[in-house]
Amino acid sequence: MRSLFLAAAFVLAIARPAGAGFPPVDPTNCEIPAHVNVVGSDGGSADPFVTFTVIIRDLTNASVANSVVTISFAGCPHIQICPTQLDPHIVAVNCAGKAVTGVTNAVGVTTFTVIGASSTAPCYEPPPVSRAEVRADGNLIGNMTVSALDVNAVPGLDASDLAAWLSAFFCGGTQRLD
């Protein structure tokens, strides 16, 4: 009788659909890019060239649907994110914490196109490396290096962005610009 109860409990545990928090997310099975860019917009949409995908899987390598994925740019001292993100996959923006949040679809995938910029900064020795932290359902998945095309924090790309980029390039502080 006891073995029958254990077998039934085991079957019920396996048959439960993957959802946020169960089964637990496994960082070794998840996929995140090594590097991302934050971009500007034309007022109606962000540059789709820099859209990146995060795939969340559990311990059995099964996709986790409805997983809450947060990208925190708090470890990126010069990166600023825009309070108005035009990507429909981004469901929440925390400007104070420099974070954006999305939710995975039925196959454990969510995409992000983050609108932001880099503030101009003096040369550093050694220059700081900007790393964004990726979490799924509160679990650390990994880190990504971050750079920005808009380097003067003024909307749009123009000659002053190129001048700021060249200035940083020649002083060796290009991690946030690469």
Protein backbone atom coordinates (compact mmCIF):
# COMPACT_ATOMS: atom_id res chain seq x y z
CA MET A 1 0.00 0.00 0.00
CA ARG A 2 2.81 2.38 0.90
CA SER A 3 4.60 1.77 -2.42
CA LEU A 4 1.34 2.41 -4.29
CA PHE A 5 0.99 5.76 -2.48
CA LEU A 6 4.61 6.70 -3.29
CA ALA A 7 4.13 5.74 -6.94
CA ALA A 8 0.98 7.88 -7.17
CA ALA A 9 2.74 10.83 -5.52
CA PHE A 10 5.66 10.46 -7.93
CA VAL A 11 3.36 10.41 -10.97
CA LEU A 12 1.51 13.50 -9.75
CA ALA A 13 4.77 15.34 -9.19
CA ILE A 14 5.97 14.54 -12.70
CA ALA A 15 2.65 15.34 -14.35
CA ARG A 16 2.54 18.85 -12.90
CA PRO A 17 3.10 21.43 -15.67
CA ALA A 18 6.17 23.62 -15.51
CA GLY A 19 5.36 27.03 -14.08
CA ALA A 20 7.14 29.85 -12.36
CA GLY A 21 9.00 28.45 -9.39
CA PHE A 22 8.30 24.76 -10.10
CA PRO A 23 10.29 22.90 -11.08
CA PRO A 24 13.25 25.00 -10.02
CA VAL A 25 15.16 26.89 -12.67
CA ASP A 26 18.58 25.40 -13.47
CA PRO A 27 21.15 28.04 -14.47
CA THR A 28 23.29 25.44 -16.26
CA ASN A 29 20.41 24.65 -18.65
CA CYS A 30 19.39 28.28 -19.29
CA GLU A 31 20.64 30.32 -22.23
CA ILE A 32 21.63 33.99 -22.05
CA PRO A 33 23.86 36.00 -24.37
CA ALA A 34 27.39 36.84 -23.26
CA HIS A 35 27.02 40.48 -24.32
CA VAL A 36 24.12 42.88 -24.91
CA ASN A 37 23.70 46.46 -26.08
CA VAL A 38 21.25 49.03 -24.83
CA VAL A 39 19.96 51.21 -27.65
CA GLY A 40 17.95 54.27 -28.47
CA SER A 41 14.64 54.55 -30.26
CA ASP A 42 13.08 56.52 -33.06
CA GLY A 43 10.21 57.47 -30.78
CA GLY A 44 8.02 54.55 -31.82
CA SER A 45 10.25 51.51 -31.62
CA ALA A 46 13.66 50.44 -30.40
CA ASP A 47 16.41 49.28 -32.74
CA PRO A 48 15.52 45.59 -33.37
CA PHE A 49 19.13 44.76 -34.26
CA VAL A 50 20.03 44.39 -30.59
CA THR A 51 17.06 42.28 -29.45
CA PHE A 52 18.31 39.39 -27.32
CA THR A 53 16.68 36.19 -26.13
CA VAL A 54 16.72 34.48 -22.74
CA ILE A 55 15.70 30.81 -22.52
CA ILE A 56 14.76 29.38 -19.12
CA ARG A 57 14.87 25.64 -18.40
CA ASP A 58 14.54 23.48 -15.31
CA LEU A 59 16.68 20.67 -13.86
CA THR A 60 15.36 18.21 -16.47
CA ASN A 61 16.12 20.66 -19.32
CA ALA A 62 12.40 21.26 -19.84
CA SER A 63 11.22 24.76 -20.73
CA VAL A 64 9.79 26.82 -17.86
CA ALA A 65 6.70 28.78 -18.88
CA ASN A 66 5.68 31.99 -17.08
CA SER A 67 9.09 32.42 -15.48
CA VAL A 68 9.75 36.00 -14.36
CA VAL A 69 13.08 37.10 -15.86
CA THR A 70 14.75 40.25 -14.53
CA ILE A 71 17.77 41.94 -16.10
CA SER A 72 19.48 44.20 -13.55
CA PHE A 73 21.86 46.86 -14.80
CA ALA A 74 22.80 47.90 -11.24
CA GLY A 75 26.34 46.58 -11.86
CA CYS A 76 26.72 48.90 -14.84
CA PRO A 77 27.76 52.26 -13.38
CA HIS A 78 27.53 54.20 -16.65
CA ILE A 79 24.45 52.54 -18.15
CA GLN A 80 21.11 54.31 -17.82
CA ILE A 81 17.83 52.67 -18.80
CA CYS A 82 14.90 54.58 -20.20
CA PRO A 83 11.76 54.70 -18.04
CA THR A 84 9.65 54.09 -21.16
CA GLN A 85 10.60 50.78 -22.74
CA LEU A 86 8.88 50.25 -26.11
CA ASP A 87 9.40 46.47 -26.14
CA PRO A 88 6.04 44.75 -25.44
CA HIS A 89 7.89 41.81 -23.84
CA ILE A 90 9.15 44.06 -21.03
CA VAL A 91 6.38 44.02 -18.42
CA ALA A 92 8.05 46.12 -15.70
CA VAL A 93 10.74 48.79 -15.46
CA ASN A 94 12.51 49.72 -12.22
CA CYS A 95 14.44 52.92 -12.97
CA ALA A 96 15.82 53.30 -9.44
CA GLY A 97 17.13 49.73 -9.47
CA LYS A 98 18.09 49.92 -13.17
CA ALA A 99 16.16 46.74 -14.02
CA VAL A 100 13.71 45.46 -16.63
CA THR A 101 11.46 42.42 -16.27
CA GLY A 102 9.85 40.06 -18.77
CA VAL A 103 7.93 36.79 -18.57
CA THR A 104 8.72 33.64 -20.55
CA ASN A 105 6.22 32.24 -23.02
CA ALA A 106 4.96 28.63 -23.19
CA VAL A 107 8.35 27.36 -24.40
CA GLY A 108 10.43 29.24 -21.80
CA VAL A 109 11.57 32.05 -24.08
CA THR A 110 11.45 35.81 -23.59
CA THR A 111 13.09 38.55 -25.61
CA PHE A 112 14.34 41.98 -24.63
CA THR A 113 15.20 45.15 -26.52
CA VAL A 114 16.37 47.52 -23.81
CA ILE A 115 16.31 51.26 -24.46
CA GLY A 116 18.99 53.20 -22.66
CA ALA A 117 22.27 55.04 -22.94
CA SER A 118 25.68 55.39 -21.40
CA SER A 119 26.66 58.49 -19.53
CA THR A 120 29.90 60.13 -20.47
CA ALA A 121 32.61 59.37 -17.98
CA PRO A 122 36.27 60.14 -17.58
CA CYS A 123 38.96 57.60 -18.39
CA TYR A 124 39.58 55.02 -15.69
CA GLU A 125 42.59 52.85 -14.98
CA PRO A 126 41.54 50.11 -15.22
CA PRO A 127 38.22 50.89 -16.89
CA PRO A 128 35.14 49.38 -15.21
CA VAL A 129 33.45 46.42 -16.88
CA SER A 130 29.67 46.72 -16.98
CA ARG A 131 27.86 43.47 -16.20
CA ALA A 132 24.11 42.97 -16.09
CA GLU A 133 22.73 40.30 -13.79
CA VAL A 134 20.06 37.92 -15.12
CA ARG A 135 17.62 36.31 -12.68
CA ALA A 136 14.72 33.95 -13.31
CA ASP A 137 12.17 33.55 -10.52
CA GLY A 138 14.75 35.08 -8.17
CA ASN A 139 17.51 32.60 -9.11
CA LEU A 140 20.75 33.98 -10.52
CA ILE A 141 21.16 32.66 -14.07
CA GLY A 142 24.30 34.53 -15.07
CA ASN A 143 25.87 37.83 -16.08
CA MET A 144 26.22 39.63 -19.40
CA THR A 145 28.60 42.40 -20.38
CA VAL A 146 26.77 45.55 -21.48
CA SER A 147 27.57 48.38 -23.83
CA ALA A 148 25.68 51.31 -25.31
CA LEU A 149 25.69 53.04 -28.65
CA ASP A 150 24.30 56.31 -27.29
CA VAL A 151 27.22 57.44 -25.15
CA ASN A 152 26.28 61.01 -24.28
CA ALA A 153 22.85 60.23 -22.76
CA VAL A 154 21.18 62.70 -25.13
CA PRO A 155 18.40 61.05 -27.18
CA GLY A 156 19.53 59.88 -30.60
CA LEU A 157 22.90 59.15 -32.15
CA ASP A 158 24.84 62.08 -33.52
CA ALA A 159 28.36 63.45 -33.96
CA SER A 160 28.72 64.14 -30.24
CA ASP A 161 28.22 60.41 -29.56
CA LEU A 162 31.03 59.63 -31.98
CA ALA A 163 33.27 62.22 -30.32
CA ALA A 164 32.55 60.76 -26.86
CA TRP A 165 33.17 57.23 -28.16
CA LEU A 166 36.49 58.21 -29.73
CA SER A 167 37.56 59.94 -26.53
CA ALA A 168 36.85 56.82 -24.48
CA PHE A 169 38.38 54.53 -27.11
CA PHE A 170 41.71 56.32 -27.07
CA CYS A 171 41.92 56.29 -23.27
CA GLY A 172 41.23 52.54 -23.11
CA GLY A 173 37.78 52.73 -21.49
CA THR A 174 35.85 50.89 -24.18
CA GLN A 175 34.16 48.06 -22.24
CA ARG A 176 30.94 50.01 -21.96
CA LEU A 177 31.21 51.06 -25.61
CA ASP A 178 32.22 47.82 -27.39
